[in-house]
Amino acid sequence: MARLRAAGCVFAEDEARLLTAAARTPAELDALVERRVSGLPLEQVVGWAEFRGLRIFVDPGVFVPRRRSEFLVETALAVARRPAPVIVDLCCGTGALGLAVAAGMNAVGLGGAGQGGAKLGGAKLGGAKLHSADIDQAAVACARRNVEPAGGHVYQGDLFGPLRSALRGRVGVLICNAPYVPSPELAFLPPEARDYEPRVALDGGRDGLEVLRRVAAEAPRWLAPGGSLLVETSEQQAPAMTRAMTAAGLTARVHTCEEYGATVVTGSI
């Protein structure tokens, strides 16, 4: 624990407990601690992250799901209008968000806020149909470890490109947790993100909304009647994202949560 504290780990005691549980031998524990103090995100060191009660596999070099994104899941559960909808998770990373939405619906029904199972790879889709996609090969491999055992599908490609055409007009919940950090601000990210997570998962272009504007423009072709697009932004970007959704013909709304420090913009059809 002293090495973790010296390295600047704020929650050194909690991290020491997780690293000790992950190690099978003292030598392995020493190696894990060394990886952590070198700057590798804890979730990549131990190989998993807890997200809304689910333990999600996290491989090296893959974007780590953030706790603030749990608010996007809660918002999706609140705005969904159909039981067991088709869920699409673009820029899926580990696949955590789509899994959590499906697990939440399966646990407590439409509009609830349940948290699914607590074991690694333990999500269940119930009647929901989950389709996840990412452009990054490492993310797709990781998402397949999480999503496919639960009964979902994972594709590699740019946004809607790899999805089956049969999904057009059938998506009830469309999640896109795309990168939204403006390119000039990447240098100010914490080293854990800047050095160990893929740039493609962080860089949102000049104003942070380049990818999200593309998603909003194409979303109406994929959403079912009553379906919603949900994206995470900063509070400052929300007005511009609202305009992009409105221009695409969606009814936009901004949702904020002080507890999570999160802002979600929804666009419904």
C-alpha atoms as a PDB file:
ATOM      1  CA  MET A   1       0.000   0.000   0.000  1.00  0.00           C
ATOM      2  CA  ALA A   2       2.916   2.339   0.721  1.00  0.00           C
ATOM      3  CA  ARG A   3       4.096   2.029  -2.890  1.00  0.00           C
ATOM      4  CA  LEU A   4       0.649   2.908  -4.153  1.00  0.00           C
ATOM      5  CA  ARG A   5       0.427   5.945  -1.886  1.00  0.00           C
ATOM      6  CA  ALA A   6       3.891   7.095  -2.938  1.00  0.00           C
ATOM      7  CA  ALA A   7       2.805   6.811  -6.575  1.00  0.00           C
ATOM      8  CA  GLY A   8      -0.113   9.164  -5.899  1.00  0.00           C
ATOM      9  CA  CYS A   9      -2.977   6.655  -5.859  1.00  0.00           C
ATOM     10  CA  VAL A  10      -5.727   8.499  -3.987  1.00  0.00           C
ATOM     11  CA  PHE A  11      -7.579   5.331  -2.946  1.00  0.00           C
ATOM     12  CA  ALA A  12      -4.461   3.304  -2.152  1.00  0.00           C
ATOM     13  CA  GLU A  13      -6.130   1.108   0.494  1.00  0.00           C
ATOM     14  CA  ASP A  14      -8.986   0.086  -1.825  1.00  0.00           C
ATOM     15  CA  GLU A  15      -6.596  -0.497  -4.709  1.00  0.00           C
ATOM     16  CA  ALA A  16      -4.307  -2.626  -2.529  1.00  0.00           C
ATOM     17  CA  ARG A  17      -7.269  -4.805  -1.588  1.00  0.00           C
ATOM     18  CA  LEU A  18      -8.254  -5.332  -5.250  1.00  0.00           C
ATOM     19  CA  LEU A  19      -4.701  -6.038  -6.356  1.00  0.00           C
ATOM     20  CA  THR A  20      -4.205  -8.532  -3.525  1.00  0.00           C
ATOM     21  CA  ALA A  21      -7.418 -10.329  -4.479  1.00  0.00           C
ATOM     22  CA  ALA A  22      -6.318 -10.506  -8.126  1.00  0.00           C
ATOM     23  CA  ALA A  23      -2.864 -11.962  -7.374  1.00  0.00           C
ATOM     24  CA  ARG A  24      -2.288 -15.690  -6.887  1.00  0.00           C
ATOM     25  CA  THR A  25       1.261 -15.402  -5.526  1.00  0.00           C
ATOM     26  CA  PRO A  26       3.391 -12.727  -3.821  1.00  0.00           C
ATOM     27  CA  ALA A  27       5.446 -12.422  -6.998  1.00  0.00           C
ATOM     28  CA  GLU A  28       2.314 -11.826  -9.066  1.00  0.00           C
ATOM     29  CA  LEU A  29       1.127  -9.218  -6.559  1.00  0.00           C
ATOM     30  CA  ASP A  30       4.449  -7.423  -6.855  1.00  0.00           C
ATOM     31  CA  ALA A  31       4.098  -7.413 -10.657  1.00  0.00           C
ATOM     32  CA  LEU A  32       0.557  -6.054 -10.481  1.00  0.00           C
ATOM     33  CA  VAL A  33       1.585  -3.293  -8.093  1.00  0.00           C
ATOM     34  CA  GLU A  34       4.479  -2.390 -10.360  1.00  0.00           C
ATOM     35  CA  ARG A  35       2.119  -2.078 -13.339  1.00  0.00           C
ATOM     36  CA  ARG A  36      -0.192   0.126 -11.316  1.00  0.00           C
ATOM     37  CA  VAL A  37       2.492   2.475  -9.977  1.00  0.00           C
ATOM     38  CA  SER A  38       3.833   2.828 -13.528  1.00  0.00           C
ATOM     39  CA  GLY A  39       0.507   4.505 -14.370  1.00  0.00           C
ATOM     40  CA  LEU A  40      -1.602   1.746 -15.917  1.00  0.00           C
ATOM     41  CA  PRO A  41      -5.307   2.165 -15.016  1.00  0.00           C
ATOM     42  CA  LEU A  42      -6.301  -0.088 -12.130  1.00  0.00           C
ATOM     43  CA  GLU A  43      -9.070  -1.690 -14.194  1.00  0.00           C
ATOM     44  CA  GLN A  44      -6.594  -2.717 -16.886  1.00  0.00           C
ATOM     45  CA  VAL A  45      -4.254  -4.112 -14.229  1.00  0.00           C
ATOM     46  CA  VAL A  46      -6.850  -6.338 -12.538  1.00  0.00           C
ATOM     47  CA  GLY A  47      -8.685  -7.030 -15.798  1.00  0.00           C
ATOM     48  CA  TRP A  48     -12.153  -5.817 -14.883  1.00  0.00           C
ATOM     49  CA  ALA A  49     -14.256  -2.842 -13.850  1.00  0.00           C
ATOM     50  CA  GLU A  50     -17.446  -2.696 -11.835  1.00  0.00           C
ATOM     51  CA  PHE A  51     -20.186  -0.865 -13.698  1.00  0.00           C
ATOM     52  CA  ARG A  52     -23.729  -0.637 -12.330  1.00  0.00           C
ATOM     53  CA  GLY A  53     -23.269  -3.848 -10.394  1.00  0.00           C
ATOM     54  CA  LEU A  54     -21.726  -5.740 -13.315  1.00  0.00           C
ATOM     55  CA  ARG A  55     -18.108  -6.807 -13.468  1.00  0.00           C
ATOM     56  CA  ILE A  56     -16.953  -5.983 -16.976  1.00  0.00           C
ATOM     57  CA  PHE A  57     -13.805  -7.400 -18.573  1.00  0.00           C
ATOM     58  CA  VAL A  58     -11.327  -4.613 -19.374  1.00  0.00           C
ATOM     59  CA  ASP A  59      -8.387  -5.511 -21.614  1.00  0.00           C
ATOM     60  CA  PRO A  60      -5.146  -3.488 -21.888  1.00  0.00           C
ATOM     61  CA  GLY A  61      -5.486  -0.583 -24.282  1.00  0.00           C
ATOM     62  CA  VAL A  62      -9.294  -0.424 -24.056  1.00  0.00           C
ATOM     63  CA  PHE A  63     -11.268   2.565 -22.779  1.00  0.00           C
ATOM     64  CA  VAL A  64     -12.257   2.053 -19.139  1.00  0.00           C
ATOM     65  CA  PRO A  65     -16.000   2.603 -18.463  1.00  0.00           C
ATOM     66  CA  ARG A  66     -16.492   5.662 -16.257  1.00  0.00           C
ATOM     67  CA  ARG A  67     -18.819   5.817 -13.298  1.00  0.00           C
ATOM     68  CA  ARG A  68     -20.406   9.008 -14.674  1.00  0.00           C
ATOM     69  CA  SER A  69     -21.651   6.971 -17.638  1.00  0.00           C
ATOM     70  CA  GLU A  70     -23.951   5.112 -15.255  1.00  0.00           C
ATOM     71  CA  PHE A  71     -26.160   8.204 -15.538  1.00  0.00           C
ATOM     72  CA  LEU A  72     -26.538   7.554 -19.266  1.00  0.00           C
ATOM     73  CA  VAL A  73     -27.731   4.037 -18.423  1.00  0.00           C
ATOM     74  CA  GLU A  74     -30.213   5.379 -15.869  1.00  0.00           C
ATOM     75  CA  THR A  75     -31.493   7.874 -18.430  1.00  0.00           C
ATOM     76  CA  ALA A  76     -31.897   5.142 -21.037  1.00  0.00           C
ATOM     77  CA  LEU A  77     -33.947   3.061 -18.608  1.00  0.00           C
ATOM     78  CA  ALA A  78     -36.124   6.083 -17.880  1.00  0.00           C
ATOM     79  CA  VAL A  79     -36.828   7.073 -21.519  1.00  0.00           C
ATOM     80  CA  ALA A  80     -37.295   3.599 -23.041  1.00  0.00           C
ATOM     81  CA  ARG A  81     -40.886   3.159 -24.145  1.00  0.00           C
ATOM     82  CA  ARG A  82     -40.997  -0.482 -25.146  1.00  0.00           C
ATOM     83  CA  PRO A  83     -40.303  -3.624 -23.134  1.00  0.00           C
ATOM     84  CA  ALA A  84     -37.407  -5.727 -24.435  1.00  0.00           C
ATOM     85  CA  PRO A  85     -36.366  -3.263 -27.173  1.00  0.00           C
ATOM     86  CA  VAL A  86     -33.592  -3.488 -29.718  1.00  0.00           C
ATOM     87  CA  ILE A  87     -30.565  -1.803 -28.125  1.00  0.00           C
ATOM     88  CA  VAL A  88     -27.646  -0.515 -30.210  1.00  0.00           C
ATOM     89  CA  ASP A  89     -24.428   0.546 -28.473  1.00  0.00           C
ATOM     90  CA  LEU A  90     -22.080   2.478 -30.794  1.00  0.00           C
ATOM     91  CA  CYS A  91     -18.487   3.308 -29.831  1.00  0.00           C
ATOM     92  CA  CYS A  92     -19.118   0.524 -27.328  1.00  0.00           C
ATOM     93  CA  GLY A  93     -15.609   0.065 -25.896  1.00  0.00           C
ATOM     94  CA  THR A  94     -15.918  -2.831 -23.460  1.00  0.00           C
ATOM     95  CA  GLY A  95     -19.658  -3.082 -24.172  1.00  0.00           C
ATOM     96  CA  ALA A  96     -20.511  -2.037 -20.618  1.00  0.00           C
ATOM     97  CA  LEU A  97     -23.224   0.523 -21.366  1.00  0.00           C
ATOM     98  CA  GLY A  98     -25.345  -1.639 -23.636  1.00  0.00           C
ATOM     99  CA  LEU A  99     -25.039  -4.560 -21.251  1.00  0.00           C
ATOM    100  CA  ALA A 100     -26.038  -2.419 -18.282  1.00  0.00           C
ATOM    101  CA  VAL A 101     -29.129  -1.094 -20.083  1.00  0.00           C
ATOM    102  CA  ALA A 102     -30.205  -4.597 -21.053  1.00  0.00           C
ATOM    103  CA  ALA A 103     -29.460  -5.961 -17.581  1.00  0.00           C
ATOM    104  CA  GLY A 104     -31.371  -3.099 -15.969  1.00  0.00           C
ATOM    105  CA  MET A 105     -34.433  -3.807 -18.068  1.00  0.00           C
ATOM    106  CA  ASN A 106     -34.164  -7.518 -17.366  1.00  0.00           C
ATOM    107  CA  ALA A 107     -33.784  -6.968 -13.611  1.00  0.00           C
ATOM    108  CA  VAL A 108     -36.618  -4.574 -12.895  1.00  0.00           C
ATOM    109  CA  GLY A 109     -38.577  -4.079 -16.089  1.00  0.00           C
ATOM    110  CA  LEU A 110     -39.109  -1.011 -18.241  1.00  0.00           C
ATOM    111  CA  GLY A 111     -38.211   2.311 -16.619  1.00  0.00           C
ATOM    112  CA  GLY A 112     -36.468   0.844 -13.569  1.00  0.00           C
ATOM    113  CA  ALA A 113     -33.012   1.291 -12.143  1.00  0.00           C
ATOM    114  CA  GLY A 114     -31.877  -2.184 -11.171  1.00  0.00           C
ATOM    115  CA  GLN A 115     -28.264  -3.196 -11.354  1.00  0.00           C
ATOM    116  CA  GLY A 116     -28.084  -6.725 -12.706  1.00  0.00           C
ATOM    117  CA  GLY A 117     -25.675  -9.365 -11.489  1.00  0.00           C
ATOM    118  CA  ALA A 118     -22.389  -8.854  -9.671  1.00  0.00           C
ATOM    119  CA  LYS A 119     -20.172 -11.544 -11.175  1.00  0.00           C
ATOM    120  CA  LEU A 120     -17.666 -11.197 -13.996  1.00  0.00           C
ATOM    121  CA  GLY A 121     -19.424 -11.607 -17.318  1.00  0.00           C
ATOM    122  CA  GLY A 122     -22.711 -12.080 -15.469  1.00  0.00           C
ATOM    123  CA  ALA A 123     -25.034  -9.802 -17.472  1.00  0.00           C
ATOM    124  CA  LYS A 124     -28.249 -11.254 -18.864  1.00  0.00           C
ATOM    125  CA  LEU A 125     -30.143  -9.676 -21.742  1.00  0.00           C
ATOM    126  CA  GLY A 126     -33.550 -11.127 -21.030  1.00  0.00           C
ATOM    127  CA  GLY A 127     -35.753 -10.335 -24.015  1.00  0.00           C
ATOM    128  CA  ALA A 128     -33.716  -7.347 -25.184  1.00  0.00           C
ATOM    129  CA  LYS A 129     -31.689  -7.589 -28.395  1.00  0.00           C
ATOM    130  CA  LEU A 130     -28.257  -6.004 -28.036  1.00  0.00           C
ATOM    131  CA  HIS A 131     -26.016  -4.987 -30.957  1.00  0.00           C
ATOM    132  CA  SER A 132     -22.673  -3.323 -30.112  1.00  0.00           C
ATOM    133  CA  ALA A 133     -20.066  -1.853 -32.434  1.00  0.00           C
ATOM    134  CA  ASP A 134     -16.700  -0.115 -32.264  1.00  0.00           C
ATOM    135  CA  ILE A 135     -14.068   0.894 -34.796  1.00  0.00           C
ATOM    136  CA  ASP A 136     -11.159  -0.171 -32.565  1.00  0.00           C
ATOM    137  CA  GLN A 137     -10.023  -3.799 -32.898  1.00  0.00           C
ATOM    138  CA  ALA A 138      -8.940  -4.150 -29.259  1.00  0.00           C
ATOM    139  CA  ALA A 139     -12.272  -2.767 -28.046  1.00  0.00           C
ATOM    140  CA  VAL A 140     -14.212  -5.176 -30.266  1.00  0.00           C
ATOM    141  CA  ALA A 141     -12.250  -8.161 -28.933  1.00  0.00           C
ATOM    142  CA  CYS A 142     -12.920  -7.041 -25.358  1.00  0.00           C
ATOM    143  CA  ALA A 143     -16.610  -6.322 -26.032  1.00  0.00           C
ATOM    144  CA  ARG A 144     -17.039  -9.795 -27.479  1.00  0.00           C
ATOM    145  CA  ARG A 145     -15.823 -11.268 -24.179  1.00  0.00           C
ATOM    146  CA  ASN A 146     -18.512  -9.301 -22.356  1.00  0.00           C
ATOM    147  CA  VAL A 147     -21.434  -9.107 -24.771  1.00  0.00           C
ATOM    148  CA  GLU A 148     -21.513 -12.387 -26.686  1.00  0.00           C
ATOM    149  CA  PRO A 149     -21.775 -14.704 -23.645  1.00  0.00           C
ATOM    150  CA  ALA A 150     -24.855 -12.704 -22.644  1.00  0.00           C
ATOM    151  CA  GLY A 151     -26.432 -13.296 -26.059  1.00  0.00           C
ATOM    152  CA  GLY A 152     -25.587 -10.015 -27.778  1.00  0.00           C
ATOM    153  CA  HIS A 153     -23.775  -9.284 -31.040  1.00  0.00           C
ATOM    154  CA  VAL A 154     -20.580  -7.271 -31.571  1.00  0.00           C
ATOM    155  CA  TYR A 155     -19.373  -5.761 -34.851  1.00  0.00           C
ATOM    156  CA  GLN A 156     -16.247  -3.908 -35.945  1.00  0.00           C
ATOM    157  CA  GLY A 157     -16.578  -0.799 -38.053  1.00  0.00           C
ATOM    158  CA  ASP A 158     -17.354   2.908 -38.155  1.00  0.00           C
ATOM    159  CA  LEU A 159     -20.571   3.804 -36.318  1.00  0.00           C
ATOM    160  CA  PHE A 160     -23.635   2.407 -38.160  1.00  0.00           C
ATOM    161  CA  GLY A 161     -21.528   0.945 -40.979  1.00  0.00           C
ATOM    162  CA  PRO A 162     -21.208  -2.649 -39.718  1.00  0.00           C
ATOM    163  CA  LEU A 163     -24.795  -2.982 -38.451  1.00  0.00           C
ATOM    164  CA  ARG A 164     -27.293  -5.230 -40.178  1.00  0.00           C
ATOM    165  CA  SER A 165     -29.592  -3.308 -42.498  1.00  0.00           C
ATOM    166  CA  ALA A 166     -32.540  -5.186 -40.961  1.00  0.00           C
ATOM    167  CA  LEU A 167     -32.087  -3.023 -37.826  1.00  0.00           C
ATOM    168  CA  ARG A 168     -33.101   0.156 -39.661  1.00  0.00           C
ATOM    169  CA  GLY A 169     -36.239   1.595 -38.119  1.00  0.00           C
ATOM    170  CA  ARG A 170     -36.256  -0.958 -35.289  1.00  0.00           C
ATOM    171  CA  VAL A 171     -33.904   0.471 -32.626  1.00  0.00           C
ATOM    172  CA  GLY A 172     -35.599   1.472 -29.391  1.00  0.00           C
ATOM    173  CA  VAL A 173     -32.488   2.558 -27.464  1.00  0.00           C
ATOM    174  CA  LEU A 174     -29.499   3.916 -29.380  1.00  0.00           C
ATOM    175  CA  ILE A 175     -26.471   4.629 -27.186  1.00  0.00           C
ATOM    176  CA  CYS A 176     -23.387   6.364 -28.480  1.00  0.00           C
ATOM    177  CA  ASN A 177     -20.777   7.107 -25.848  1.00  0.00           C
ATOM    178  CA  ALA A 178     -18.491   8.564 -28.495  1.00  0.00           C
ATOM    179  CA  PRO A 179     -15.323  10.521 -27.722  1.00  0.00           C
ATOM    180  CA  TYR A 180     -16.219  14.117 -26.889  1.00  0.00           C
ATOM    181  CA  VAL A 181     -12.969  15.628 -25.626  1.00  0.00           C
ATOM    182  CA  PRO A 182     -11.963  18.522 -27.936  1.00  0.00           C
ATOM    183  CA  SER A 183      -8.630  17.775 -29.609  1.00  0.00           C
ATOM    184  CA  PRO A 184      -6.862  20.798 -28.048  1.00  0.00           C
ATOM    185  CA  GLU A 185      -7.788  19.544 -24.566  1.00  0.00           C
ATOM    186  CA  LEU A 186      -6.376  16.020 -24.882  1.00  0.00           C
ATOM    187  CA  ALA A 187      -3.059  17.131 -23.416  1.00  0.00           C
ATOM    188  CA  PHE A 188      -4.819  18.042 -20.167  1.00  0.00           C
ATOM    189  CA  LEU A 189      -6.348  14.604 -19.575  1.00  0.00           C
ATOM    190  CA  PRO A 190      -5.052  12.513 -16.650  1.00  0.00           C
ATOM    191  CA  PRO A 191      -2.015  10.414 -17.646  1.00  0.00           C
ATOM    192  CA  GLU A 192      -4.001   7.185 -17.099  1.00  0.00           C
ATOM    193  CA  ALA A 193      -6.301   8.142 -19.967  1.00  0.00           C
ATOM    194  CA  ARG A 194      -3.815  10.018 -22.130  1.00  0.00           C
ATOM    195  CA  ASP A 195      -1.105   7.335 -22.038  1.00  0.00           C
ATOM    196  CA  TYR A 196      -3.027   4.065 -21.778  1.00  0.00           C
ATOM    197  CA  GLU A 197      -6.377   4.503 -23.530  1.00  0.00           C
ATOM    198  CA  PRO A 198      -6.732   4.721 -27.314  1.00  0.00           C
ATOM    199  CA  ARG A 199      -6.879   8.210 -28.804  1.00  0.00           C
ATOM    200  CA  VAL A 200      -9.816   7.117 -30.963  1.00  0.00           C
ATOM    201  CA  ALA A 201     -11.832   6.674 -27.748  1.00  0.00           C
ATOM    202  CA  LEU A 202     -10.971  10.154 -26.467  1.00  0.00           C
ATOM    203  CA  ASP A 203     -10.563  12.597 -29.362  1.00  0.00           C
ATOM    204  CA  GLY A 204     -13.837  14.203 -30.410  1.00  0.00           C
ATOM    205  CA  GLY A 205     -12.313  16.591 -32.928  1.00  0.00           C
ATOM    206  CA  ARG A 206     -12.014  20.374 -32.874  1.00  0.00           C
ATOM    207  CA  ASP A 207     -14.993  21.004 -30.580  1.00  0.00           C
ATOM    208  CA  GLY A 208     -15.468  17.447 -29.318  1.00  0.00           C
ATOM    209  CA  LEU A 209     -18.694  16.814 -31.241  1.00  0.00           C
ATOM    210  CA  GLU A 210     -17.524  15.652 -34.675  1.00  0.00           C
ATOM    211  CA  VAL A 211     -18.476  12.011 -34.146  1.00  0.00           C
ATOM    212  CA  LEU A 212     -21.673  12.793 -32.247  1.00  0.00           C
ATOM    213  CA  ARG A 213     -22.960  15.077 -35.015  1.00  0.00           C
ATOM    214  CA  ARG A 214     -22.571  12.232 -37.509  1.00  0.00           C
ATOM    215  CA  VAL A 215     -24.514   9.928 -35.218  1.00  0.00           C
ATOM    216  CA  ALA A 216     -27.332  12.425 -34.712  1.00  0.00           C
ATOM    217  CA  ALA A 217     -27.675  13.007 -38.462  1.00  0.00           C
ATOM    218  CA  GLU A 218     -28.088   9.305 -39.234  1.00  0.00           C
ATOM    219  CA  ALA A 219     -29.985   8.199 -36.102  1.00  0.00           C
ATOM    220  CA  PRO A 220     -33.531   8.845 -37.451  1.00  0.00           C
ATOM    221  CA  ARG A 221     -33.026   6.160 -40.108  1.00  0.00           C
ATOM    222  CA  TRP A 222     -32.371   3.557 -37.400  1.00  0.00           C
ATOM    223  CA  LEU A 223     -34.718   4.534 -34.580  1.00  0.00           C
ATOM    224  CA  ALA A 224     -38.105   2.882 -34.163  1.00  0.00           C
ATOM    225  CA  PRO A 225     -41.147   5.092 -33.494  1.00  0.00           C
ATOM    226  CA  GLY A 226     -40.727   6.283 -29.908  1.00  0.00           C
ATOM    227  CA  GLY A 227     -37.035   5.317 -29.914  1.00  0.00           C
ATOM    228  CA  SER A 228     -34.287   7.521 -28.470  1.00  0.00           C
ATOM    229  CA  LEU A 229     -30.657   8.365 -29.109  1.00  0.00           C
ATOM    230  CA  LEU A 230     -28.611   8.989 -25.947  1.00  0.00           C
ATOM    231  CA  VAL A 231     -25.162  10.575 -25.887  1.00  0.00           C
ATOM    232  CA  GLU A 232     -22.861  11.854 -23.163  1.00  0.00           C
ATOM    233  CA  THR A 233     -21.363  15.341 -23.477  1.00  0.00           C
ATOM    234  CA  SER A 234     -20.019  18.079 -21.252  1.00  0.00           C
ATOM    235  CA  GLU A 235     -22.408  20.675 -19.890  1.00  0.00           C
ATOM    236  CA  GLN A 236     -20.824  23.282 -22.174  1.00  0.00           C
ATOM    237  CA  GLN A 237     -21.341  21.114 -25.284  1.00  0.00           C
ATOM    238  CA  ALA A 238     -24.978  20.271 -24.551  1.00  0.00           C
ATOM    239  CA  PRO A 239     -26.517  23.278 -26.389  1.00  0.00           C
ATOM    240  CA  ALA A 240     -24.589  22.477 -29.579  1.00  0.00           C
ATOM    241  CA  MET A 241     -25.535  18.800 -29.328  1.00  0.00           C
ATOM    242  CA  THR A 242     -29.159  19.767 -28.817  1.00  0.00           C
ATOM    243  CA  ARG A 243     -29.043  21.827 -32.019  1.00  0.00           C
ATOM    244  CA  ALA A 244     -27.519  18.909 -33.923  1.00  0.00           C
ATOM    245  CA  MET A 245     -30.287  16.560 -32.793  1.00  0.00           C
ATOM    246  CA  THR A 246     -33.000  19.114 -33.575  1.00  0.00           C
ATOM    247  CA  ALA A 247     -31.545  19.651 -37.049  1.00  0.00           C
ATOM    248  CA  ALA A 248     -31.805  15.891 -37.617  1.00  0.00           C
ATOM    249  CA  GLY A 249     -35.511  15.975 -36.759  1.00  0.00           C
ATOM    250  CA  LEU A 250     -35.216  14.583 -33.246  1.00  0.00           C
ATOM    251  CA  THR A 251     -36.872  15.993 -30.141  1.00  0.00           C
ATOM    252  CA  ALA A 252     -33.887  16.880 -27.959  1.00  0.00           C
ATOM    253  CA  ARG A 253     -33.639  17.142 -24.193  1.00  0.00           C
ATOM    254  CA  VAL A 254     -30.729  17.726 -21.824  1.00  0.00           C
ATOM    255  CA  HIS A 255     -30.406  15.649 -18.633  1.00  0.00           C
ATOM    256  CA  THR A 256     -27.890  16.495 -15.899  1.00  0.00           C
ATOM    257  CA  CYS A 257     -26.854  14.865 -12.636  1.00  0.00           C
ATOM    258  CA  GLU A 258     -24.713  16.562 -10.008  1.00  0.00           C
ATOM    259  CA  GLU A 259     -23.996  13.295  -8.197  1.00  0.00           C
ATOM    260  CA  TYR A 260     -22.369  11.743 -11.268  1.00  0.00           C
ATOM    261  CA  GLY A 261     -21.120  15.050 -12.685  1.00  0.00           C
ATOM    262  CA  ALA A 262     -22.671  13.948 -15.950  1.00  0.00           C
ATOM    263  CA  THR A 263     -24.623  15.473 -18.825  1.00  0.00           C
ATOM    264  CA  VAL A 264     -26.664  13.360 -21.258  1.00  0.00           C
ATOM    265  CA  VAL A 265     -28.500  14.630 -24.321  1.00  0.00           C
ATOM    266  CA  THR A 266     -31.376  12.555 -25.675  1.00  0.00           C
ATOM    267  CA  GLY A 267     -33.047  12.766 -29.056  1.00  0.00           C
ATOM    268  CA  SER A 268     -36.370  11.003 -29.554  1.00  0.00           C
ATOM    269  CA  ILE A 269     -38.317  10.266 -32.700  1.00  0.00           C
END
